[in-house]
Protein backbone atom coordinates (compact mmCIF):
# COMPACT_ATOMS: atom_id res chain seq x y z
CA MET A 1 -1.16 22.74 8.59
CA GLN A 2 0.03 19.02 8.52
CA PHE A 3 1.19 17.46 5.23
CA LEU A 4 3.48 14.58 6.98
CA SER A 5 1.86 11.39 6.77
CA ASP A 6 -1.72 10.19 5.35
CA ASN A 7 -0.93 8.00 8.36
CA ALA A 8 -1.56 10.74 11.09
CA ALA A 9 -4.92 11.55 9.30
CA ALA A 10 -8.27 11.51 11.34
CA VAL A 11 -10.31 8.30 11.54
CA HIS A 12 -13.68 8.12 9.45
CA PRO A 13 -16.71 8.60 11.09
CA ALA A 14 -18.13 5.65 9.54
CA VAL A 15 -15.35 3.42 10.83
CA TRP A 16 -16.55 4.53 14.25
CA SER A 17 -19.61 4.12 14.07
CA ALA A 18 -18.86 0.68 12.66
CA MET A 19 -16.76 -0.04 15.58
CA LEU A 20 -19.61 0.82 18.02
CA ALA A 21 -22.10 -1.16 16.56
CA ALA A 22 -19.07 -4.22 16.54
CA ASP A 23 -19.55 -3.73 20.02
CA ALA A 24 -21.82 -6.40 21.39
CA PRO A 25 -20.78 -9.99 21.92
CA ASP A 26 -19.81 -12.34 18.87
CA SER A 27 -17.81 -15.58 17.92
CA PRO A 28 -13.79 -14.57 18.75
CA TYR A 29 -10.95 -14.55 16.46
CA ASP A 30 -11.99 -14.46 12.69
CA THR A 31 -15.19 -16.60 13.53
CA ASP A 32 -17.51 -13.76 14.17
CA ALA A 33 -20.09 -12.52 11.81
CA ILE A 34 -18.69 -9.57 10.71
CA SER A 35 -15.28 -11.28 9.95
CA ARG A 36 -17.49 -13.87 7.85
CA GLU A 37 -18.56 -11.27 5.48
CA LEU A 38 -15.52 -10.41 4.04
CA ASP A 39 -14.68 -12.68 1.42
CA ALA A 40 -18.11 -12.04 -0.33
CA ALA A 41 -17.49 -8.45 0.05
CA PHE A 42 -13.84 -9.11 -1.16
CA SER A 43 -15.44 -10.69 -4.01
CA ALA A 44 -18.13 -8.86 -5.09
CA LEU A 45 -15.35 -5.75 -4.94
CA PHE A 46 -13.31 -7.37 -7.58
CA GLY A 47 -15.76 -9.34 -9.29
CA ARG A 48 -13.99 -13.20 -8.72
CA GLU A 49 -13.62 -15.54 -5.80
CA CYS A 50 -11.27 -14.22 -3.31
CA THR A 51 -10.15 -15.03 0.33
CA ALA A 52 -9.75 -11.75 2.69
CA LEU A 53 -8.02 -12.13 5.98
CA TRP A 54 -7.71 -8.97 8.30
CA VAL A 55 -4.35 -7.83 9.94
CA ALA A 56 -3.42 -4.60 12.14
CA THR A 57 -0.88 -3.54 10.14
CA GLY A 58 0.27 -2.84 6.34
CA THR A 59 3.80 -4.38 7.39
CA ALA A 60 2.16 -7.47 8.57
CA ALA A 61 -0.19 -7.86 5.50
CA ASN A 62 3.06 -7.47 3.22
CA CYS A 63 5.20 -10.04 5.46
CA LEU A 64 2.46 -12.49 6.16
CA ALA A 65 1.53 -12.71 2.14
CA LEU A 66 4.60 -12.83 1.18
CA ALA A 67 5.52 -15.83 3.57
CA ALA A 68 3.04 -17.93 2.08
CA MET A 69 4.95 -17.58 -1.44
CA VAL A 70 8.68 -17.77 -0.67
CA PRO A 71 10.45 -20.55 1.53
CA PRO A 72 13.23 -19.37 3.99
CA HIS A 73 15.90 -20.23 1.05
CA GLY A 74 14.08 -18.19 -1.62
CA GLY A 75 13.83 -14.47 -2.45
CA VAL A 76 11.73 -11.81 -3.45
CA VAL A 77 12.28 -9.59 -6.54
CA CYS A 78 11.29 -5.72 -5.01
CA HIS A 79 12.15 -2.40 -6.16
CA ARG A 80 15.16 -0.73 -4.11
CA GLU A 81 12.83 1.98 -2.80
CA ALA A 82 10.30 -0.34 -1.71
CA HIS A 83 8.27 -0.07 1.69
CA ILE A 84 9.49 -3.97 2.04
CA GLU A 85 13.00 -3.20 1.57
CA VAL A 86 13.81 1.00 3.35
CA ASP A 87 10.78 0.95 5.91
CA GLU A 88 9.58 -1.93 7.58
CA GLY A 89 12.61 -2.42 9.76
CA GLY A 90 13.75 -6.12 8.71
CA ALA A 91 10.81 -7.41 9.14
CA PRO A 92 10.15 -9.35 5.63
CA GLY A 93 13.68 -11.26 6.69
CA PHE A 94 11.62 -12.12 10.13
CA TYR A 95 8.66 -13.07 8.55
CA LEU A 96 10.32 -15.10 5.87
CA HIS A 97 12.40 -16.76 8.35
CA GLY A 98 15.79 -15.25 6.13
CA ALA A 99 14.72 -15.08 2.69
CA LYS A 100 16.18 -12.44 0.69
CA LEU A 101 15.13 -9.47 -1.25
CA MET A 102 16.67 -9.05 -4.47
CA LEU A 103 16.72 -5.70 -5.22
CA ALA A 104 16.06 -3.90 -8.67
CA GLU A 105 16.14 -0.40 -10.16
CA GLY A 106 13.22 1.21 -11.66
CA ALA A 107 11.99 4.98 -12.32
CA SER A 108 9.47 6.26 -9.75
CA ALA A 109 10.15 3.34 -7.65
CA LYS A 110 8.38 1.31 -10.62
CA LEU A 111 9.54 -1.98 -11.65
CA THR A 112 9.28 -3.09 -14.96
CA PRO A 113 9.85 -6.59 -16.73
CA ASP A 114 13.44 -5.56 -17.72
CA ALA A 115 14.10 -4.67 -14.81
CA ILE A 116 12.91 -7.29 -13.08
CA ALA A 117 14.59 -9.76 -15.92
CA GLY A 118 17.64 -8.06 -15.08
CA VAL A 119 18.07 -9.37 -11.84
CA ILE A 120 16.91 -13.23 -12.00
CA ASP A 121 17.98 -13.75 -15.51
CA PRO A 122 21.96 -13.90 -13.89
CA ILE A 123 20.92 -16.41 -11.26
CA ARG A 124 21.96 -19.85 -12.10
CA ASP A 125 19.82 -22.67 -11.29
CA ASP A 126 21.77 -24.52 -8.33
CA VAL A 127 21.83 -24.57 -4.42
CA HIS A 128 25.02 -21.89 -4.33
CA GLN A 129 22.53 -18.85 -5.38
CA VAL A 130 19.22 -17.49 -3.80
CA GLN A 131 16.47 -18.57 -6.55
CA PRO A 132 13.64 -15.83 -6.69
CA HIS A 133 10.31 -17.20 -5.94
CA ALA A 134 8.52 -13.80 -6.23
CA VAL A 135 7.88 -10.46 -7.43
CA SER A 136 6.45 -7.22 -4.79
CA ILE A 137 5.26 -4.18 -6.15
CA THR A 138 3.93 -1.34 -4.61
CA GLN A 139 0.57 0.25 -5.98
CA ALA A 140 1.01 3.67 -5.91
CA SER A 141 5.03 3.64 -5.53
CA GLU A 142 6.98 4.96 -3.00
CA TYR A 143 7.33 7.92 -4.69
CA GLY A 144 3.46 8.35 -5.35
CA CYS A 145 3.69 7.00 -9.08
CA VAL A 146 0.95 4.77 -10.41
CA TYR A 147 0.94 1.36 -11.95
CA ARG A 148 -1.20 1.33 -14.93
CA PRO A 149 -3.78 -1.66 -15.51
CA ALA A 150 -1.01 -2.74 -18.39
CA GLU A 151 2.09 -2.17 -16.21
CA VAL A 152 0.67 -4.62 -13.67
CA ALA A 153 -0.42 -7.19 -16.54
CA ALA A 154 3.15 -7.25 -18.19
CA ILE A 155 4.56 -7.42 -14.96
CA ALA A 156 2.11 -10.39 -13.85
CA ASP A 157 2.68 -12.64 -17.54
CA LEU A 158 6.60 -12.09 -16.87
CA ALA A 159 6.36 -13.69 -12.70
CA LYS A 160 3.74 -16.66 -14.05
CA ALA A 161 6.26 -17.63 -17.25
CA ARG A 162 8.89 -17.70 -14.61
CA GLY A 163 6.80 -19.92 -11.89
CA LEU A 164 7.00 -16.52 -9.54
CA LYS A 165 3.89 -15.19 -7.40
CA LEU A 166 3.17 -11.39 -7.71
CA HIS A 167 2.19 -9.83 -4.47
CA MET A 168 0.72 -6.23 -4.47
CA ASP A 169 1.61 -3.64 -1.87
CA GLY A 170 -1.57 -1.50 -1.48
CA ALA A 171 -1.01 0.82 0.96
CA ARG A 172 -2.13 3.53 -1.20
CA PHE A 173 -4.60 1.10 -3.72
CA ALA A 174 -7.20 3.59 -3.47
CA ASN A 175 -5.35 6.11 -4.64
CA ALA A 176 -4.03 4.42 -7.09
CA VAL A 177 -7.51 3.37 -8.36
CA ALA A 178 -8.54 6.60 -8.08
CA HIS A 179 -5.91 8.16 -10.08
CA MET A 180 -6.41 5.81 -13.17
CA GLY A 181 -10.38 5.42 -12.71
CA CYS A 182 -10.40 1.81 -13.77
CA THR A 183 -11.95 -0.94 -11.63
CA PRO A 184 -10.03 -2.35 -8.59
CA ALA A 185 -9.89 -5.68 -10.78
CA GLU A 186 -8.01 -4.10 -13.58
CA ALA A 187 -5.55 -2.42 -11.20
CA CYS A 188 -4.26 -5.90 -9.92
CA GLN A 189 -4.60 -8.17 -12.56
CA GLY A 190 -2.42 -11.27 -12.51
CA VAL A 191 -1.50 -10.57 -8.42
CA ALA A 192 -1.45 -13.78 -6.36
CA ALA A 193 -2.08 -11.29 -3.08
CA LEU A 194 -2.67 -7.77 -2.64
CA SER A 195 -2.12 -6.14 0.84
CA PHE A 196 -5.20 -3.90 0.64
CA GLY A 197 -4.86 -0.59 2.57
CA PHE A 198 -7.19 0.95 4.88
CA VAL A 199 -5.14 2.79 7.63
CA LYS A 200 -3.76 5.75 5.28
CA ASN A 201 -7.15 6.03 3.77
CA GLY A 202 -9.41 7.05 6.74
CA GLY A 203 -9.29 3.52 8.49
CA LEU A 204 -8.02 3.28 12.46
CA GLY A 205 -6.07 -0.31 12.41
CA ALA A 206 -6.80 -2.32 10.05
CA GLU A 207 -5.92 -3.72 6.54
CA ALA A 208 -6.93 -6.73 4.64
CA ILE A 209 -4.62 -9.51 2.71
CA VAL A 210 -6.78 -10.50 -0.33
CA PHE A 211 -6.00 -13.60 -1.69
CA PHE A 212 -6.89 -13.92 -5.63
CA ASP A 213 -4.56 -17.34 -5.75
CA ARG A 214 -6.73 -18.79 -2.33
CA SER A 215 -4.27 -21.55 -1.73
CA LEU A 216 -2.18 -18.62 0.07
CA ALA A 217 -4.74 -18.04 2.64
CA ASP A 218 -4.87 -21.72 4.39
CA VAL A 219 -1.26 -20.89 4.89
CA VAL A 220 -1.44 -17.85 6.20
CA ARG A 221 -4.26 -18.23 8.80
CA TYR A 222 -1.82 -20.47 10.68
CA ARG A 223 1.11 -18.10 9.86
CA ARG A 224 -1.11 -14.89 11.25
CA LYS A 225 -1.84 -16.61 14.37
CA ARG A 226 1.90 -17.48 14.87
CA ALA A 227 2.88 -13.80 14.45
CA GLY A 228 0.69 -12.55 17.29
CA HIS A 229 -1.81 -10.97 14.63
CA LEU A 230 -4.92 -13.09 15.36
CA GLN A 231 -6.85 -10.60 17.45
CA SER A 232 -9.44 -12.00 19.58
CA LYS A 233 -11.94 -9.63 19.03
CA GLY A 234 -10.96 -9.60 15.35
CA ARG A 235 -15.09 -8.28 14.70
CA PHE A 236 -13.61 -4.85 15.28
CA LEU A 237 -11.04 -5.02 12.80
CA ALA A 238 -13.43 -6.51 10.16
CA ALA A 239 -16.11 -4.03 11.00
CA GLN A 240 -13.66 -1.45 9.69
CA ILE A 241 -12.72 -2.94 6.50
CA LEU A 242 -16.82 -3.65 5.91
CA ALA A 243 -17.53 0.41 6.63
CA MET A 244 -14.62 1.38 4.13
CA LEU A 245 -15.70 -1.06 1.57
CA ARG A 246 -19.59 0.11 1.83
CA ASP A 247 -20.68 2.31 -0.56
CA ASP A 248 -17.18 2.49 -2.36
CA LEU A 249 -16.02 4.99 0.68
CA TRP A 250 -12.58 3.68 0.26
CA LEU A 251 -12.42 4.89 -3.48
CA GLN A 252 -14.18 8.40 -2.68
CA ASN A 253 -11.34 8.88 0.48
CA GLY A 254 -8.93 8.14 -2.09
CA ARG A 255 -10.22 10.61 -4.85
CA ALA A 256 -10.49 13.72 -1.75
CA ALA A 257 -6.71 13.12 -0.81
CA ASN A 258 -5.43 12.97 -4.57
CA ALA A 259 -7.40 16.07 -5.19
CA ALA A 260 -5.46 18.12 -2.56
CA ALA A 261 -2.72 16.34 -3.63
CA ALA A 262 -3.12 17.59 -7.41
CA GLU A 263 -3.91 21.78 -6.25
CA ILE A 264 -0.10 21.61 -4.53
CA ALA A 265 1.10 19.90 -7.32
CA ALA A 266 0.09 22.79 -10.13
CA ALA A 267 1.44 25.46 -7.41
CA ALA A 268 5.07 23.44 -7.54
CA SER A 269 5.28 23.15 -11.52
CA GLU A 270 8.87 22.89 -12.22
CA ARG A 271 9.91 21.81 -8.71
CA LEU A 272 8.02 18.58 -8.93
CA LEU A 273 10.48 15.70 -8.55
CA HIS A 274 8.04 12.74 -9.75
CA ALA A 275 4.82 12.59 -11.40
CA VAL A 276 1.99 13.52 -8.81
CA GLU A 277 -0.41 9.95 -9.33
CA ALA A 278 -1.85 9.77 -5.98
CA ASN A 279 -1.49 11.89 -2.71
CA GLU A 280 2.12 12.13 -2.12
CA ILE A 281 4.16 15.47 -3.65
CA PHE A 282 7.68 15.65 -3.80
CA LEU A 283 9.52 18.65 -4.76
CA THR A 284 12.66 20.54 -4.59
CA VAL A 285 13.38 23.15 -2.18
CA SER A 286 16.45 24.70 -0.85
CA THR A 287 17.06 24.44 3.13
CA GLN A 288 16.15 28.30 3.79
CA GLU A 289 12.77 27.79 1.89
CA ARG A 290 12.44 25.10 3.69
CA ALA A 291 12.19 26.91 6.96
CA ALA A 292 10.25 29.63 5.58
CA LEU A 293 7.44 27.27 4.93
CA ARG A 294 7.69 25.69 8.33
CA ALA A 295 7.74 29.27 9.98
CA GLN A 296 4.68 29.58 7.99
CA GLY A 297 3.08 26.76 10.08
CA PHE A 298 3.40 23.81 7.16
CA SER A 299 4.97 20.44 8.46
CA PHE A 300 6.01 17.67 6.30
CA TYR A 301 9.31 15.41 5.71
CA ASP A 302 12.78 16.42 4.70
CA TRP A 303 13.43 14.62 1.38
CA GLY A 304 17.50 14.47 0.99
CA ALA A 305 19.06 17.68 1.30
CA GLN A 306 17.33 20.00 -1.57
CA GLY A 307 13.67 18.53 -1.31
CA ALA A 308 10.50 18.02 0.95
CA ARG A 309 7.54 15.23 0.71
CA LEU A 310 4.36 16.52 1.13
CA VAL A 311 1.33 14.18 1.96
CA THR A 312 -2.02 15.02 1.41
CA SER A 313 -4.87 13.31 3.63
CA TRP A 314 -8.82 12.07 2.61
CA ASN A 315 -9.59 14.49 4.79
CA ALA A 316 -7.39 17.44 4.52
CA ASP A 317 -8.66 20.87 5.25
CA ALA A 318 -9.19 22.82 1.96
CA SER A 319 -7.71 26.11 3.83
CA HIS A 320 -4.61 24.65 4.81
CA VAL A 321 -4.22 23.08 1.21
CA ASP A 322 -5.00 26.38 -0.19
CA ALA A 323 -2.55 28.04 1.87
CA LEU A 324 0.38 25.74 1.36
CA ALA A 325 -0.28 26.37 -2.59
CA ARG A 326 -0.04 29.90 -1.94
CA ALA A 327 3.08 29.71 -0.20
CA ILE A 328 4.90 27.35 -2.78
CA ARG A 329 3.70 29.72 -5.27
CA ALA A 330 5.77 32.69 -3.54
CA LEU A 331 9.00 30.93 -2.77
C-alpha cells in the first residue's frame, strides 16, 4: 500500500491513448501538429494569450524558466525549503550558470511579501553584491499548503515594484486549484512563467512551461535545445499534455488525490504538522509507530526523527486509503 510519492502513481489511460494516437509520422521536434496546439490550449485554459513549451521533467521546467529571467550574476529569491533549493541536485546553479538562490523563511514553506523584502532590502545596489532578478514560489508548497490568489497577487505586486519576475513551480498546481476551487488564471495572477506539472498527476514524462510573459519563450527555445531537452519526437510529450487538459482531466485527477489525502488527514487530526490543502500529509509519529504502520504494509517516507510524509495520488486505491486511516486512528 504505497504512499511514498505521487511520482510513483500509474499513468492515466487517456495519456496512453493519446500517445498511441500520436504514433504516426509528423514533423520533428516541436513543429508537429500536436505541439502546435499547445499555445491555443493553454491560452484557452488561462483566458489570455500565452506560449507553452514542453519538457520532460519538472526540474528542467523550473530551471529553464528561471534561466530566462536571471543572468549568471543575479539571484532568485525562494523559500529555504523550496524544491529548487533542496531537491534539484544543484540544477538551478547549472542551468543559470552560477546564479544564486537567495533563501527566505516562511511558515509551511510559503513566502510572503515581508519575507521577500527581508531578503532583498539589505542588498546594496552595487557590483559587490548579488542583485535579485526573480522570485520563485511553489504551488502547492513543499508542505502541501496552498497560496491563495490574494497571496500570489501580493507577491506579484512586490516583485513588479522591485523589477523582479515571478516564477511559479506548479508541480502540484492541479491540487492547489482543486483545493481552492478558483480558476487557473486566478491561481497565478502576476506570474511571468508557470511550471505546470503533469507527471505527478497522471502524466508519463511531460511537463509544460507556460509563459505569460511571452517574450521569455524565445530565449527558452534556445536554452531548451542547448540543455538537451528538445526531443526529436516531441509530439509524444505534447500529446500527454493535451490529453490531461482535455475535459479538465488534470483538475479531476487533482481533486481525486486531494480527497484521498483529506480522508487520511481526518484520521490524523492532532498529529498533523501542517494543514492538508493538497495531496501531502505530514504527521507526527514515533519510530515505533512508523514501524507498526510499515508492518501492516504501508510505505511512506520518514520526515525527521519523529515524523512521516504521506502522499496520495490521482488513482489512490480507496481500500488502501481507508486502511491507512484506520491504522492511524488505532495508533
